[in-house]
Amino acid sequence: MTIEAKKLDPNFRDEVINAFATENDPSDLYNCLTCGMCTAGCPFNGVHDNADPRKLIRKVMLGMKEEVLNDWFIWACTQCGRCTMQCPMNVDIAGLVRTIRGNFGLRAPGFLQDIVDSQVNTGNQMEVSKEDYLDTLEWMEEETQMEIDDTSLRIPIDEEGADIMFLWDPREIKYYPLDIQSIAMIMHAAGASWTSPSNWWDATHYGLFNGDDQDSATMLKRISEEVQRLKPKYVVVTECGHAMRAQSWGRKVWLDPKTDGNYPVYWLPQMEAYWIQKGIIKVDPSNNPDPVTLHDPCNAVRKEGIEEEPRICLNNACADFREMWPNGKWNICCGGGGGLLSMGSDIQPYRMAKGKLKADQIKETGAKIVASPCHNCFDQLSDINKHYKLGVEIKHIHHLVSNALVFDK
């Protein structure tokens, strides 16, 4: 590449740093040594085009604004953060990608922006009406009572002072109501004090992907309002990796952590693991006899550090749990993160090229079930399963835990 000095914008890197939403010092970007460890750490470097993070960060630091804003790496990157794990200076390249996406007039391919607009305008990304939301929860409460023959089971709404304020993924409400049943069974078995808000109940947060901090702050502020209204001890996020990241990390960067962002956030697998370890819920692994492997969602495991709890759940609730390699914080991204699932046909070749690595991992385990505690990963893994003809089932952790539940008579 020929670099023309007259086209360089010396202010560009400062613009990026000033727009950077982070808990850390945004000027850490200056620490880049140009060593290339980020590119060496990216599992997709060489798998498809536009997978070289070192080139992007050097373009930013040199002030190659036009080239950066037209670089397809910005959209091909899943923001998985594995590059930063290899970086000796801990430069946040995923955060850099997010910042560029959201602050320089770019619009994502596909319908990523439409999802953010829907959530801001209607309160949830799938535009589920309040009536449909409440009716669905009431319906599943009745269905679950019949399923376990116990009319004391409840799916509470707007109960002030509960221990848990639970946030859903709109997919669960609109497309996967049996997920509601599965989660409600676990809550009931644990004797949990829980509720969900009737207003702002959507845990998902595509502002994390498109980089719009103004919309992101709006969505997090609404959750904070529900916390202040219902006064729970903590917020629990359903099995969705990016939702957990947004609700946990987001309250620190988009809210005031001393005031409206001052509440604990946990991920559903953390609660499931705690209840299993404490003997609060009992599970019988023989109810899940098929070999099971686990896909670690990047946002919850690598970025939020929730590595052991999913394994506690699966080792107790399944008869044959098998690890992929690499796993945990070193996992390989499924290829659907960073909003790629919502970017349409332009991104499809990138998604399936990335997915080949995950398909090979799954095959190596010999598992028949892949546990995916994330809805975005769930959809990407479903596409990988079809594309590479793996013949596996994709399930959430709560599916396996609820199936293994042993209810006291």
Protein backbone atom coordinates (compact mmCIF):
# COMPACT_ATOMS: atom_id res chain seq x y z
CA MET A 1 0.00 0.00 0.00
CA THR A 2 1.23 3.47 -0.92
CA ILE A 3 0.73 6.05 1.86
CA GLU A 4 0.36 9.65 0.74
CA ALA A 5 1.30 12.06 3.51
CA LYS A 6 -1.03 14.76 2.20
CA LYS A 7 -4.02 12.46 2.80
CA LEU A 8 -3.16 11.74 6.44
CA ASP A 9 -5.34 13.29 9.14
CA PRO A 10 -3.19 13.89 12.24
CA ASN A 11 -6.30 14.55 14.34
CA PHE A 12 -8.00 11.24 13.54
CA ARG A 13 -6.45 9.14 16.29
CA ASP A 14 -7.34 11.80 18.86
CA GLU A 15 -10.92 11.81 17.59
CA VAL A 16 -11.02 8.04 18.08
CA ILE A 17 -9.53 8.23 21.57
CA ASN A 18 -11.91 11.01 22.64
CA ALA A 19 -14.91 8.94 21.50
CA PHE A 20 -13.70 5.68 23.13
CA ALA A 21 -16.17 4.25 25.69
CA THR A 22 -14.08 2.26 28.16
CA GLU A 23 -13.46 1.60 31.84
CA ASN A 24 -9.75 1.97 31.14
CA ASP A 25 -7.67 4.87 29.87
CA PRO A 26 -8.73 5.44 26.23
CA SER A 27 -5.22 6.69 25.44
CA ASP A 28 -4.01 3.09 25.96
CA LEU A 29 -4.36 2.97 22.19
CA TYR A 30 -1.03 4.82 22.04
CA ASN A 31 0.65 1.81 23.65
CA CYS A 32 0.59 -0.23 20.43
CA LEU A 33 4.07 -1.58 19.60
CA THR A 34 3.14 -2.66 16.04
CA CYS A 35 4.46 -6.10 16.98
CA GLY A 36 1.71 -8.03 15.19
CA MET A 37 0.75 -10.23 18.14
CA CYS A 38 -2.88 -9.17 17.68
CA THR A 39 -2.88 -10.57 14.16
CA ALA A 40 -1.14 -13.71 15.34
CA GLY A 41 -3.80 -14.10 18.04
CA CYS A 42 -6.79 -13.62 15.74
CA PRO A 43 -8.07 -17.13 14.94
CA PHE A 44 -9.53 -15.86 11.67
CA ASN A 45 -6.35 -14.36 10.25
CA GLY A 46 -5.81 -16.34 7.06
CA VAL A 47 -9.27 -17.91 7.25
CA HIS A 48 -10.91 -15.08 5.31
CA ASP A 49 -9.99 -11.66 3.94
CA ASN A 50 -10.05 -8.54 6.13
CA ALA A 51 -8.88 -10.28 9.31
CA ASP A 52 -5.70 -8.37 10.17
CA PRO A 53 -6.16 -6.19 13.27
CA ARG A 54 -2.60 -4.88 13.13
CA LYS A 55 -3.28 -3.16 9.82
CA LEU A 56 -6.34 -1.43 11.20
CA ILE A 57 -4.66 -0.08 14.30
CA ARG A 58 -1.69 1.19 12.31
CA LYS A 59 -4.00 2.98 9.89
CA VAL A 60 -5.68 4.66 12.85
CA MET A 61 -2.41 5.71 14.44
CA LEU A 62 -1.06 7.06 11.15
CA GLY A 63 -4.21 9.11 10.56
CA MET A 64 -5.39 7.20 7.49
CA LYS A 65 -8.98 8.16 8.18
CA GLU A 66 -10.41 7.54 4.72
CA GLU A 67 -8.85 4.08 4.54
CA VAL A 68 -10.06 3.17 8.02
CA LEU A 69 -13.65 4.21 7.36
CA ASN A 70 -13.69 2.12 4.18
CA ASP A 71 -11.91 -0.88 5.68
CA TRP A 72 -14.11 -4.03 5.69
CA PHE A 73 -12.27 -5.23 8.77
CA ILE A 74 -14.59 -2.87 10.70
CA TRP A 75 -17.58 -5.06 9.81
CA ALA A 76 -15.90 -8.46 9.42
CA CYS A 77 -14.51 -8.33 12.97
CA THR A 78 -16.68 -10.08 15.58
CA GLN A 79 -15.15 -7.98 18.38
CA CYS A 80 -14.36 -11.23 20.19
CA GLY A 81 -11.31 -9.76 21.96
CA ARG A 82 -8.96 -12.67 21.41
CA CYS A 83 -6.44 -10.36 19.72
CA THR A 84 -6.13 -8.32 22.91
CA MET A 85 -5.35 -11.46 24.93
CA GLN A 86 -2.18 -11.83 22.84
CA CYS A 87 -1.28 -8.11 22.96
CA PRO A 88 1.63 -7.37 25.33
CA MET A 89 0.22 -3.86 25.84
CA ASN A 90 -3.43 -4.94 26.27
CA VAL A 91 -4.70 -2.66 23.50
CA ASP A 92 -8.49 -2.98 23.17
CA ILE A 93 -8.94 -3.56 19.45
CA ALA A 94 -12.55 -4.73 19.80
CA GLY A 95 -13.29 -1.42 21.52
CA LEU A 96 -11.49 0.38 18.71
CA VAL A 97 -13.71 -1.33 16.13
CA ARG A 98 -16.83 -0.42 18.10
CA THR A 99 -15.72 3.21 18.40
CA ILE A 100 -15.12 3.57 14.67
CA ARG A 101 -18.44 1.94 13.81
CA GLY A 102 -20.42 4.35 15.95
CA ASN A 103 -18.77 7.74 15.76
CA PHE A 104 -17.86 8.57 12.18
CA GLY A 105 -21.13 8.51 10.26
CA LEU A 106 -20.96 4.87 9.19
CA ARG A 107 -24.02 2.67 8.84
CA ALA A 108 -23.68 -1.05 9.27
CA PRO A 109 -24.59 -3.37 6.42
CA GLY A 110 -27.82 -5.31 6.83
CA PHE A 111 -30.31 -4.44 9.57
CA LEU A 112 -28.09 -3.90 12.61
CA GLN A 113 -29.12 -0.24 12.91
CA ASP A 114 -32.78 -1.16 12.47
CA ILE A 115 -32.57 -3.43 15.52
CA VAL A 116 -31.14 -0.62 17.64
CA ASP A 117 -33.82 1.75 16.38
CA SER A 118 -36.55 -0.77 17.23
CA GLN A 119 -35.29 -1.18 20.77
CA VAL A 120 -35.00 2.55 21.36
CA ASN A 121 -38.43 3.28 19.87
CA THR A 122 -40.45 0.36 21.29
CA GLY A 123 -38.47 -0.84 24.30
CA ASN A 124 -37.34 -4.15 22.82
CA GLN A 125 -35.51 -5.17 19.68
CA MET A 126 -38.35 -7.32 18.30
CA GLU A 127 -41.11 -4.77 18.91
CA VAL A 128 -43.10 -7.13 21.14
CA SER A 129 -46.06 -5.21 22.55
CA LYS A 130 -46.53 -4.99 26.31
CA GLU A 131 -49.79 -6.91 25.98
CA ASP A 132 -48.13 -9.76 24.07
CA TYR A 133 -45.24 -9.86 26.53
CA LEU A 134 -47.48 -10.12 29.58
CA ASP A 135 -49.86 -12.58 27.87
CA THR A 136 -46.92 -14.82 26.90
CA LEU A 137 -45.57 -14.92 30.44
CA GLU A 138 -49.03 -15.65 31.85
CA TRP A 139 -49.57 -18.39 29.28
CA MET A 140 -46.21 -20.01 30.06
CA GLU A 141 -46.88 -19.79 33.78
CA GLU A 142 -50.04 -21.84 33.28
CA GLU A 143 -48.29 -24.30 30.94
CA THR A 144 -45.42 -24.81 33.36
CA GLN A 145 -47.75 -25.34 36.30
CA MET A 146 -49.37 -28.15 34.34
CA GLU A 147 -46.01 -29.52 33.21
CA ILE A 148 -44.78 -30.06 36.79
CA ASP A 149 -48.23 -30.43 38.37
CA ASP A 150 -47.66 -27.57 40.79
CA THR A 151 -49.92 -24.52 40.80
CA SER A 152 -47.60 -22.67 43.18
CA LEU A 153 -45.13 -21.99 40.35
CA ARG A 154 -45.22 -18.36 39.28
CA ILE A 155 -43.61 -16.04 36.77
CA PRO A 156 -43.90 -12.81 38.77
CA ILE A 157 -44.17 -9.35 37.24
CA ASP A 158 -43.43 -6.00 38.92
CA GLU A 159 -42.99 -7.40 42.42
CA GLU A 160 -41.11 -4.87 44.49
CA GLY A 161 -38.26 -6.01 46.71
CA ALA A 162 -37.58 -9.41 45.10
CA ASP A 163 -34.03 -10.69 45.26
CA ILE A 164 -33.78 -11.00 41.47
CA MET A 165 -34.95 -8.72 38.67
CA PHE A 166 -34.77 -11.01 35.64
CA LEU A 167 -34.22 -9.66 32.10
CA TRP A 168 -35.31 -11.65 29.05
CA ASP A 169 -34.18 -11.91 25.45
CA PRO A 170 -37.07 -10.97 23.12
CA ARG A 171 -36.43 -14.19 21.19
CA GLU A 172 -37.60 -16.07 24.27
CA ILE A 173 -40.82 -14.10 24.36
CA LYS A 174 -41.56 -14.10 20.63
CA TYR A 175 -40.09 -17.32 19.25
CA TYR A 176 -38.93 -19.63 22.05
CA PRO A 177 -41.58 -19.65 24.80
CA LEU A 178 -40.36 -23.06 25.98
CA ASP A 179 -37.22 -21.22 27.11
CA ILE A 180 -39.47 -19.28 29.48
CA GLN A 181 -40.81 -22.57 30.81
CA SER A 182 -37.32 -23.98 31.28
CA ILE A 183 -36.10 -20.92 33.19
CA ALA A 184 -39.27 -20.72 35.28
CA MET A 185 -38.85 -24.37 36.33
CA ILE A 186 -35.31 -23.67 37.54
CA MET A 187 -36.41 -20.55 39.43
CA HIS A 188 -39.23 -22.51 41.05
CA ALA A 189 -36.99 -25.44 42.00
CA ALA A 190 -34.56 -22.98 43.61
CA GLY A 191 -37.33 -21.25 45.53
CA ALA A 192 -36.02 -18.03 44.04
CA SER A 193 -37.43 -14.65 44.96
CA TRP A 194 -37.66 -13.13 41.50
CA THR A 195 -39.62 -10.82 39.25
CA SER A 196 -39.44 -9.26 35.81
CA PRO A 197 -40.36 -5.68 34.94
CA SER A 198 -43.41 -4.96 32.84
CA ASN A 199 -41.74 -2.00 31.13
CA TRP A 200 -38.07 -2.31 30.20
CA TRP A 201 -37.37 -6.06 30.24
CA ASP A 202 -35.13 -6.56 27.17
CA ALA A 203 -31.61 -7.59 28.22
CA THR A 204 -30.21 -7.48 24.68
CA HIS A 205 -28.28 -4.48 23.51
CA TYR A 206 -27.24 -4.10 19.89
CA GLY A 207 -25.79 -0.69 20.70
CA LEU A 208 -22.86 -2.74 21.93
CA PHE A 209 -22.30 -3.73 18.30
CA ASN A 210 -23.09 -0.61 16.29
CA GLY A 211 -21.09 1.66 18.63
CA ASP A 212 -23.84 4.19 19.33
CA ASP A 213 -23.14 5.31 22.89
CA GLN A 214 -26.08 7.71 23.03
CA ASP A 215 -28.62 4.97 22.28
CA SER A 216 -26.68 2.60 24.53
CA ALA A 217 -26.96 5.02 27.43
CA THR A 218 -30.69 5.41 26.78
CA MET A 219 -31.27 1.65 26.91
CA LEU A 220 -29.19 1.15 30.07
CA LYS A 221 -30.84 4.11 31.77
CA ARG A 222 -34.20 2.39 31.31
CA ILE A 223 -32.94 -0.75 33.04
CA SER A 224 -31.61 1.43 35.84
CA GLU A 225 -35.05 3.02 36.20
CA GLU A 226 -36.61 -0.42 36.63
CA VAL A 227 -34.01 -1.30 39.28
CA GLN A 228 -34.87 1.89 41.15
CA ARG A 229 -38.60 1.20 40.81
CA LEU A 230 -38.62 -2.48 41.82
CA LYS A 231 -35.67 -2.37 44.24
CA PRO A 232 -34.25 -5.88 43.65
CA LYS A 233 -31.01 -7.00 45.27
CA TYR A 234 -29.49 -7.70 41.88
CA VAL A 235 -30.20 -8.04 38.17
CA VAL A 236 -29.95 -11.44 36.47
CA VAL A 237 -29.53 -11.62 32.70
CA THR A 238 -30.81 -14.55 30.65
CA GLU A 239 -28.42 -16.79 28.73
CA CYS A 240 -27.13 -14.28 26.22
CA GLY A 241 -23.45 -13.36 26.16
CA HIS A 242 -23.62 -9.89 24.67
CA ALA A 243 -26.60 -9.02 26.89
CA MET A 244 -24.59 -9.94 29.97
CA ARG A 245 -21.64 -7.86 28.76
CA ALA A 246 -23.83 -4.86 27.99
CA GLN A 247 -25.72 -4.98 31.28
CA SER A 248 -22.58 -5.51 33.39
CA TRP A 249 -19.86 -3.50 31.64
CA GLY A 250 -22.33 -1.04 30.15
CA ARG A 251 -23.61 0.30 33.47
CA LYS A 252 -20.01 1.31 34.25
CA VAL A 253 -19.42 3.25 31.03
CA TRP A 254 -22.89 4.53 30.06
CA LEU A 255 -24.21 5.26 33.56
CA ASP A 256 -22.75 6.81 36.69
CA PRO A 257 -21.37 3.79 38.61
CA LYS A 258 -21.90 5.62 41.92
CA THR A 259 -25.57 6.43 41.36
CA ASP A 260 -27.78 4.99 38.63
CA GLY A 261 -25.25 2.29 37.65
CA ASN A 262 -24.71 1.05 41.19
CA TYR A 263 -26.34 -2.40 41.19
CA PRO A 264 -24.94 -5.94 40.83
CA VAL A 265 -25.48 -7.89 37.61
CA TYR A 266 -25.25 -11.68 37.26
CA TRP A 267 -25.63 -14.10 34.38
CA LEU A 268 -28.17 -16.93 34.61
CA PRO A 269 -25.47 -19.68 34.47
CA GLN A 270 -23.88 -18.09 37.54
CA MET A 271 -27.14 -18.50 39.45
CA GLU A 272 -27.66 -22.04 38.17
CA ALA A 273 -24.14 -23.03 39.23
CA TYR A 274 -24.59 -21.46 42.68
CA TRP A 275 -27.89 -23.26 43.29
CA ILE A 276 -26.41 -26.59 42.16
CA GLN A 277 -23.27 -26.24 44.30
CA LYS A 278 -25.27 -25.28 47.38
CA GLY A 279 -27.70 -28.14 46.87
CA ILE A 280 -30.56 -25.67 46.50
CA ILE A 281 -31.57 -27.40 43.28
CA LYS A 282 -31.00 -31.11 42.66
CA VAL A 283 -30.15 -32.52 39.25
CA ASP A 284 -29.88 -36.03 37.88
CA PRO A 285 -27.26 -36.26 35.10
CA SER A 286 -28.75 -39.51 33.82
CA ASN A 287 -31.58 -37.41 32.38
CA ASN A 288 -29.01 -36.01 29.90
CA PRO A 289 -27.10 -39.16 28.79
CA ASP A 290 -25.85 -37.92 25.38
CA PRO A 291 -22.34 -36.42 25.12
CA VAL A 292 -22.42 -32.64 25.52
CA THR A 293 -19.85 -29.98 24.68
CA LEU A 294 -19.84 -26.28 25.50
CA HIS A 295 -19.36 -23.23 23.33
CA ASP A 296 -18.03 -20.31 25.41
CA PRO A 297 -19.62 -16.99 24.39
CA CYS A 298 -16.83 -14.41 24.01
CA ASN A 299 -18.66 -11.53 25.70
CA ALA A 300 -19.54 -13.44 28.88
CA VAL A 301 -16.53 -15.72 29.20
CA ARG A 302 -13.54 -13.87 27.77
CA LYS A 303 -14.66 -10.33 28.55
CA GLU A 304 -16.68 -10.86 31.75
CA GLY A 305 -14.58 -13.75 33.07
CA ILE A 306 -17.48 -16.17 33.71
CA GLU A 307 -15.59 -19.33 32.87
CA GLU A 308 -16.17 -21.95 35.57
CA GLU A 309 -19.92 -21.60 36.24
CA PRO A 310 -21.15 -23.02 32.90
CA ARG A 311 -18.89 -26.03 33.50
CA ILE A 312 -20.26 -26.54 37.00
CA CYS A 313 -23.73 -26.70 35.49
CA LEU A 314 -22.86 -29.14 32.73
CA ASN A 315 -20.62 -31.41 34.82
CA ASN A 316 -23.49 -31.85 37.28
CA ALA A 317 -26.46 -31.93 34.91
CA CYS A 318 -24.99 -34.08 32.12
CA ALA A 319 -23.60 -37.62 32.19
CA ASP A 320 -20.90 -37.00 29.55
CA PHE A 321 -19.51 -33.46 29.31
CA ARG A 322 -16.64 -32.98 26.86
CA GLU A 323 -14.53 -29.86 26.37
CA MET A 324 -13.67 -28.33 23.01
CA TRP A 325 -10.08 -27.27 22.53
CA PRO A 326 -9.23 -24.47 23.01
CA ASN A 327 -11.91 -23.53 25.51
CA GLY A 328 -12.78 -21.05 28.25
CA LYS A 329 -11.27 -17.61 27.77
CA TRP A 330 -9.15 -19.01 24.92
CA ASN A 331 -12.20 -20.20 23.00
CA ILE A 332 -12.60 -19.62 19.28
CA CYS A 333 -15.45 -17.24 18.49
CA CYS A 334 -18.38 -18.87 16.70
CA GLY A 335 -18.29 -16.16 14.04
CA GLY A 336 -21.69 -14.62 14.71
CA GLY A 337 -20.73 -12.02 17.29
CA GLY A 338 -20.17 -8.31 16.89
CA GLY A 339 -23.55 -7.95 15.20
CA LEU A 340 -22.54 -10.07 12.18
CA LEU A 341 -25.74 -12.11 12.39
CA SER A 342 -27.71 -8.97 11.57
CA MET A 343 -25.52 -7.73 8.72
CA GLY A 344 -27.15 -9.69 5.90
CA SER A 345 -25.74 -11.41 2.84
CA ASP A 346 -22.62 -9.23 2.59
CA ILE A 347 -21.29 -10.79 5.78
CA GLN A 348 -22.55 -14.35 5.24
CA PRO A 349 -19.30 -15.63 3.62
CA TYR A 350 -17.29 -14.28 6.55
CA ARG A 351 -19.64 -15.95 9.06
CA MET A 352 -19.42 -19.37 7.46
CA ALA A 353 -15.65 -19.15 6.93
CA LYS A 354 -15.24 -18.38 10.63
CA GLY A 355 -17.74 -21.12 11.43
CA LYS A 356 -15.53 -23.79 9.85
CA LEU A 357 -13.16 -23.54 12.82
CA LYS A 358 -16.03 -24.04 15.27
CA ALA A 359 -17.43 -26.91 13.19
CA ASP A 360 -14.07 -28.67 13.36
CA GLN A 361 -13.94 -28.14 17.14
CA ILE A 362 -17.39 -29.66 17.58
CA LYS A 363 -16.57 -32.67 15.40
CA GLU A 364 -13.44 -33.39 17.43
CA THR A 365 -15.46 -33.76 20.63
CA GLY A 366 -17.86 -36.35 19.20
CA ALA A 367 -20.64 -34.58 21.10
CA LYS A 368 -24.26 -34.85 20.08
CA ILE A 369 -25.34 -31.71 21.93
CA VAL A 370 -23.68 -28.29 21.89
CA ALA A 371 -24.56 -26.12 24.87
CA SER A 372 -24.64 -22.45 23.93
CA PRO A 373 -25.54 -20.00 26.72
CA CYS A 374 -26.06 -17.17 24.22
CA HIS A 375 -28.81 -16.50 21.70
CA ASN A 376 -26.53 -14.96 19.06
CA CYS A 377 -24.15 -17.90 19.34
CA PHE A 378 -27.15 -20.25 19.32
CA ASP A 379 -28.30 -18.88 15.95
CA GLN A 380 -24.79 -18.89 14.47
CA LEU A 381 -24.17 -22.44 15.68
CA SER A 382 -27.50 -23.50 14.18
CA ASP A 383 -26.36 -22.08 10.82
CA ILE A 384 -22.98 -23.83 11.19
CA ASN A 385 -24.75 -27.08 12.04
CA LYS A 386 -26.76 -26.90 8.82
CA HIS A 387 -23.96 -25.58 6.62
CA TYR A 388 -21.40 -28.19 7.68
CA LYS A 389 -23.96 -30.99 8.27
CA LEU A 390 -22.82 -31.68 11.82
CA GLY A 391 -26.02 -33.40 12.92
CA VAL A 392 -25.87 -32.03 16.48
CA GLU A 393 -28.49 -30.37 18.69
CA ILE A 394 -27.95 -26.83 19.94
CA LYS A 395 -29.28 -26.15 23.43
CA HIS A 396 -28.92 -23.59 26.19
CA ILE A 397 -27.47 -24.59 29.54
CA HIS A 398 -30.83 -24.01 31.20
CA HIS A 399 -32.41 -26.59 28.86
CA LEU A 400 -30.06 -29.24 30.21
CA VAL A 401 -30.37 -28.11 33.82
CA SER A 402 -34.17 -27.98 33.74
CA ASN A 403 -34.31 -31.40 32.06
CA ALA A 404 -32.15 -32.82 34.85
CA LEU A 405 -34.14 -31.24 37.69
CA VAL A 406 -35.27 -33.46 40.54
CA PHE A 407 -38.25 -31.91 42.30
CA ASP A 408 -38.90 -32.67 45.94
CA LYS A 409 -42.34 -34.16 46.36
